[in-house]
Amino acid sequence: MDEKAQVIEDKILKGMPGRSIQYQFSGGLHKFRIEGQPHIHWLYVSRELVDDSEPVILVNLMNVYRIVDTLNQANRSKWLFMAGDGIREVDEHFGK
């Protein structure tokens, strides 16, 4: 895992203690499977956003888009996609 992906993973784990993350890069996406109770979530981040952003910018974007808060407050599993044009909710078929 590269440094920028590690920064994203660290931010998630800091805000979601007790969770574990499986990371994968494929299809031009950084994929983070966030496991734990009560739900499993996915965060997909575009390769372009990671390549074009400094680590501090990635953390700031996660704060602005409230990714950790959104996942912590979810009453069901969520699939989120973060790219240069913002964040949107996708479905379980998105990253396949």
N, C-alpha and C. Protein backbone atom coordinates (compact mmCIF):
# COMPACT_ATOMS: atom_id res chain seq x y z
N MET A 1 0.86 -1.17 0.00
CA MET A 1 0.00 0.00 0.00
C MET A 1 0.90 1.23 0.00
N ASP A 2 0.56 2.19 -0.85
CA ASP A 2 1.39 3.39 -0.89
C ASP A 2 1.05 4.33 0.26
N GLU A 3 1.87 5.34 0.42
CA GLU A 3 1.75 6.27 1.56
C GLU A 3 0.38 6.96 1.59
N LYS A 4 -0.12 7.37 0.45
CA LYS A 4 -1.39 8.09 0.42
C LYS A 4 -2.56 7.19 0.79
N ALA A 5 -2.55 5.97 0.31
CA ALA A 5 -3.60 5.02 0.69
C ALA A 5 -3.51 4.73 2.19
N GLN A 6 -2.30 4.65 2.71
CA GLN A 6 -2.11 4.41 4.14
C GLN A 6 -2.69 5.55 4.97
N VAL A 7 -2.57 6.78 4.50
CA VAL A 7 -3.12 7.93 5.20
C VAL A 7 -4.65 7.82 5.28
N ILE A 8 -5.26 7.39 4.19
CA ILE A 8 -6.72 7.21 4.17
C ILE A 8 -7.11 6.12 5.16
N GLU A 9 -6.40 4.99 5.12
CA GLU A 9 -6.70 3.90 6.05
C GLU A 9 -6.54 4.35 7.50
N ASP A 10 -5.47 5.06 7.79
CA ASP A 10 -5.24 5.52 9.16
C ASP A 10 -6.35 6.44 9.64
N LYS A 11 -6.83 7.32 8.76
CA LYS A 11 -7.91 8.24 9.12
C LYS A 11 -9.18 7.46 9.45
N ILE A 12 -9.48 6.45 8.67
CA ILE A 12 -10.67 5.62 8.93
C ILE A 12 -10.52 4.90 10.27
N LEU A 13 -9.40 4.26 10.48
CA LEU A 13 -9.20 3.48 11.70
C LEU A 13 -9.21 4.37 12.95
N LYS A 14 -8.70 5.59 12.83
CA LYS A 14 -8.71 6.50 13.97
C LYS A 14 -10.14 6.86 14.37
N GLY A 15 -10.99 7.05 13.39
CA GLY A 15 -12.37 7.43 13.66
C GLY A 15 -13.32 6.27 13.87
N MET A 16 -12.84 5.06 13.58
CA MET A 16 -13.69 3.87 13.71
C MET A 16 -12.92 2.78 14.45
N PRO A 17 -12.61 3.01 15.73
CA PRO A 17 -11.84 2.02 16.49
C PRO A 17 -12.57 0.68 16.54
N GLY A 18 -11.78 -0.37 16.56
CA GLY A 18 -12.35 -1.70 16.62
C GLY A 18 -12.65 -2.28 15.25
N ARG A 19 -12.47 -1.50 14.22
CA ARG A 19 -12.69 -1.97 12.85
C ARG A 19 -11.39 -2.47 12.26
N SER A 20 -11.50 -3.25 11.21
CA SER A 20 -10.32 -3.63 10.44
C SER A 20 -10.60 -3.28 8.98
N ILE A 21 -9.53 -3.12 8.23
CA ILE A 21 -9.67 -2.72 6.84
C ILE A 21 -8.89 -3.67 5.95
N GLN A 22 -9.55 -4.08 4.88
CA GLN A 22 -8.88 -4.81 3.81
C GLN A 22 -8.72 -3.84 2.66
N TYR A 23 -7.50 -3.70 2.17
CA TYR A 23 -7.20 -2.75 1.10
C TYR A 23 -6.88 -3.50 -0.18
N GLN A 24 -7.32 -2.91 -1.28
CA GLN A 24 -7.00 -3.47 -2.59
C GLN A 24 -6.97 -2.33 -3.60
N PHE A 25 -6.08 -2.43 -4.58
CA PHE A 25 -6.11 -1.48 -5.70
C PHE A 25 -6.38 -2.28 -6.95
N SER A 26 -7.47 -1.96 -7.63
CA SER A 26 -7.78 -2.61 -8.90
C SER A 26 -8.78 -1.76 -9.67
N GLY A 27 -8.75 -1.89 -10.98
CA GLY A 27 -9.68 -1.17 -11.83
C GLY A 27 -9.60 0.34 -11.68
N GLY A 28 -8.43 0.87 -11.33
CA GLY A 28 -8.27 2.30 -11.17
C GLY A 28 -8.87 2.84 -9.88
N LEU A 29 -9.18 1.95 -8.94
CA LEU A 29 -9.78 2.36 -7.67
C LEU A 29 -8.96 1.85 -6.49
N HIS A 30 -8.81 2.72 -5.50
CA HIS A 30 -8.32 2.29 -4.19
C HIS A 30 -9.56 1.85 -3.43
N LYS A 31 -9.58 0.60 -2.98
CA LYS A 31 -10.77 0.03 -2.35
C LYS A 31 -10.46 -0.30 -0.89
N PHE A 32 -11.30 0.22 -0.01
CA PHE A 32 -11.15 -0.03 1.42
C PHE A 32 -12.42 -0.72 1.91
N ARG A 33 -12.29 -1.97 2.30
CA ARG A 33 -13.40 -2.71 2.90
C ARG A 33 -13.26 -2.57 4.40
N ILE A 34 -14.23 -1.90 5.01
CA ILE A 34 -14.17 -1.58 6.43
C ILE A 34 -15.06 -2.57 7.17
N GLU A 35 -14.42 -3.47 7.91
CA GLU A 35 -15.14 -4.56 8.56
C GLU A 35 -15.31 -4.30 10.04
N GLY A 36 -16.40 -4.77 10.56
CA GLY A 36 -16.68 -4.63 11.98
C GLY A 36 -18.18 -4.57 12.20
N GLN A 37 -18.55 -4.42 13.42
CA GLN A 37 -19.97 -4.39 13.76
C GLN A 37 -20.48 -2.97 13.86
N PRO A 38 -21.68 -2.67 13.48
CA PRO A 38 -22.69 -3.62 13.05
C PRO A 38 -22.74 -3.83 11.53
N HIS A 39 -21.96 -3.06 10.73
CA HIS A 39 -22.06 -3.16 9.28
C HIS A 39 -20.68 -3.20 8.63
N ILE A 40 -20.64 -3.72 7.43
CA ILE A 40 -19.44 -3.67 6.60
C ILE A 40 -19.65 -2.55 5.59
N HIS A 41 -18.65 -1.68 5.47
CA HIS A 41 -18.73 -0.56 4.53
C HIS A 41 -17.59 -0.65 3.53
N TRP A 42 -17.76 0.05 2.40
CA TRP A 42 -16.72 0.17 1.39
C TRP A 42 -16.49 1.63 1.09
N LEU A 43 -15.23 2.01 0.99
CA LEU A 43 -14.86 3.33 0.48
C LEU A 43 -13.99 3.10 -0.75
N TYR A 44 -14.43 3.67 -1.87
CA TYR A 44 -13.67 3.63 -3.11
C TYR A 44 -13.12 5.03 -3.35
N VAL A 45 -11.84 5.11 -3.71
CA VAL A 45 -11.22 6.40 -3.99
C VAL A 45 -10.56 6.30 -5.36
N SER A 46 -10.84 7.29 -6.21
CA SER A 46 -10.29 7.24 -7.56
C SER A 46 -8.77 7.36 -7.55
N ARG A 47 -8.15 6.67 -8.48
CA ARG A 47 -6.70 6.70 -8.61
C ARG A 47 -6.23 8.13 -8.87
N GLU A 48 -6.97 8.86 -9.70
CA GLU A 48 -6.58 10.23 -10.04
C GLU A 48 -6.56 11.13 -8.81
N LEU A 49 -7.56 11.00 -7.96
CA LEU A 49 -7.59 11.84 -6.76
C LEU A 49 -6.39 11.55 -5.87
N VAL A 50 -6.09 10.29 -5.69
CA VAL A 50 -4.94 9.93 -4.85
C VAL A 50 -3.64 10.40 -5.50
N ASP A 51 -3.50 10.17 -6.79
CA ASP A 51 -2.26 10.56 -7.48
C ASP A 51 -2.04 12.07 -7.47
N ASP A 52 -3.13 12.84 -7.59
CA ASP A 52 -3.03 14.29 -7.74
C ASP A 52 -3.07 15.06 -6.42
N SER A 53 -3.24 14.38 -5.29
CA SER A 53 -3.42 15.06 -4.01
C SER A 53 -2.31 14.69 -3.03
N GLU A 54 -1.91 15.66 -2.25
CA GLU A 54 -0.98 15.40 -1.16
C GLU A 54 -1.74 14.69 -0.03
N PRO A 55 -1.04 13.95 0.83
CA PRO A 55 -1.72 13.24 1.91
C PRO A 55 -2.61 14.14 2.78
N VAL A 56 -2.14 15.34 3.11
CA VAL A 56 -2.93 16.24 3.95
C VAL A 56 -4.23 16.64 3.24
N ILE A 57 -4.20 16.78 1.94
CA ILE A 57 -5.41 17.12 1.18
C ILE A 57 -6.41 15.97 1.24
N LEU A 58 -5.94 14.75 1.13
CA LEU A 58 -6.83 13.58 1.21
C LEU A 58 -7.53 13.53 2.57
N VAL A 59 -6.78 13.78 3.63
CA VAL A 59 -7.39 13.79 4.97
C VAL A 59 -8.39 14.93 5.09
N ASN A 60 -8.04 16.09 4.56
CA ASN A 60 -8.97 17.23 4.60
C ASN A 60 -10.26 16.92 3.84
N LEU A 61 -10.14 16.29 2.69
CA LEU A 61 -11.34 15.92 1.92
C LEU A 61 -12.20 14.94 2.70
N MET A 62 -11.57 13.99 3.36
CA MET A 62 -12.35 13.04 4.18
C MET A 62 -13.10 13.78 5.29
N ASN A 63 -12.47 14.81 5.85
CA ASN A 63 -13.14 15.62 6.88
C ASN A 63 -14.28 16.43 6.29
N VAL A 64 -14.03 17.09 5.18
CA VAL A 64 -15.06 17.92 4.53
C VAL A 64 -16.27 17.07 4.14
N TYR A 65 -16.02 15.90 3.59
CA TYR A 65 -17.11 15.03 3.14
C TYR A 65 -17.70 14.19 4.27
N ARG A 66 -17.12 14.31 5.47
CA ARG A 66 -17.62 13.63 6.67
C ARG A 66 -17.75 12.11 6.45
N ILE A 67 -16.76 11.53 5.86
CA ILE A 67 -16.82 10.11 5.51
C ILE A 67 -16.93 9.24 6.75
N VAL A 68 -16.06 9.44 7.72
CA VAL A 68 -16.09 8.61 8.92
C VAL A 68 -17.40 8.79 9.67
N ASP A 69 -17.86 10.03 9.81
CA ASP A 69 -19.13 10.28 10.50
C ASP A 69 -20.29 9.59 9.78
N THR A 70 -20.30 9.69 8.46
CA THR A 70 -21.37 9.06 7.68
C THR A 70 -21.39 7.56 7.90
N LEU A 71 -20.23 6.94 7.89
CA LEU A 71 -20.17 5.48 8.08
C LEU A 71 -20.53 5.11 9.52
N ASN A 72 -20.06 5.88 10.48
CA ASN A 72 -20.38 5.58 11.87
C ASN A 72 -21.88 5.70 12.16
N GLN A 73 -22.55 6.60 11.49
CA GLN A 73 -23.98 6.83 11.74
C GLN A 73 -24.89 5.98 10.86
N ALA A 74 -24.32 5.23 9.95
CA ALA A 74 -25.13 4.44 9.01
C ALA A 74 -25.88 3.32 9.72
N ASN A 75 -27.13 3.13 9.34
CA ASN A 75 -27.92 2.04 9.91
C ASN A 75 -27.95 0.83 8.99
N ARG A 76 -27.12 0.87 7.96
CA ARG A 76 -26.95 -0.25 7.03
C ARG A 76 -25.58 -0.10 6.37
N SER A 77 -25.15 -1.12 5.66
CA SER A 77 -23.87 -1.04 4.95
C SER A 77 -23.92 0.08 3.91
N LYS A 78 -22.77 0.75 3.74
CA LYS A 78 -22.68 1.84 2.77
C LYS A 78 -21.50 1.59 1.83
N TRP A 79 -21.65 2.08 0.61
CA TRP A 79 -20.61 2.07 -0.39
C TRP A 79 -20.45 3.52 -0.85
N LEU A 80 -19.27 4.10 -0.61
CA LEU A 80 -19.02 5.50 -0.96
C LEU A 80 -17.89 5.58 -1.96
N PHE A 81 -18.02 6.51 -2.91
CA PHE A 81 -16.98 6.75 -3.92
C PHE A 81 -16.54 8.20 -3.82
N MET A 82 -15.23 8.39 -3.62
CA MET A 82 -14.66 9.73 -3.52
C MET A 82 -13.75 9.97 -4.72
N ALA A 83 -14.03 11.07 -5.43
CA ALA A 83 -13.24 11.45 -6.60
C ALA A 83 -13.01 12.95 -6.56
N GLY A 84 -12.38 13.47 -7.60
CA GLY A 84 -12.07 14.88 -7.65
C GLY A 84 -13.28 15.78 -7.66
N ASP A 85 -14.43 15.25 -8.07
CA ASP A 85 -15.65 16.07 -8.13
C ASP A 85 -16.55 15.87 -6.92
N GLY A 86 -16.06 15.20 -5.88
CA GLY A 86 -16.85 15.04 -4.66
C GLY A 86 -17.01 13.60 -4.25
N ILE A 87 -18.03 13.37 -3.47
CA ILE A 87 -18.32 12.03 -2.97
C ILE A 87 -19.76 11.70 -3.30
N ARG A 88 -19.99 10.43 -3.57
CA ARG A 88 -21.36 9.99 -3.80
C ARG A 88 -21.52 8.56 -3.30
N GLU A 89 -22.76 8.24 -2.96
CA GLU A 89 -23.06 6.88 -2.56
C GLU A 89 -23.29 6.05 -3.81
N VAL A 90 -22.70 4.86 -3.82
CA VAL A 90 -22.85 3.92 -4.92
C VAL A 90 -23.40 2.62 -4.35
N ASP A 91 -23.54 1.61 -5.19
CA ASP A 91 -24.05 0.34 -4.68
C ASP A 91 -22.95 -0.73 -4.68
N GLU A 92 -23.32 -1.90 -4.23
CA GLU A 92 -22.35 -2.99 -4.06
C GLU A 92 -21.73 -3.46 -5.37
N HIS A 93 -22.28 -3.08 -6.50
CA HIS A 93 -21.76 -3.50 -7.80
C HIS A 93 -20.74 -2.54 -8.36
N PHE A 94 -20.59 -1.38 -7.75
CA PHE A 94 -19.75 -0.31 -8.28
C PHE A 94 -18.30 -0.73 -8.51
N GLY A 95 -17.67 -1.31 -7.54
CA GLY A 95 -16.24 -1.60 -7.60
C GLY A 95 -15.88 -2.93 -8.22
N LYS A 96 -16.82 -3.58 -8.85
CA LYS A 96 -16.55 -4.92 -9.41
C LYS A 96 -16.20 -4.89 -10.85
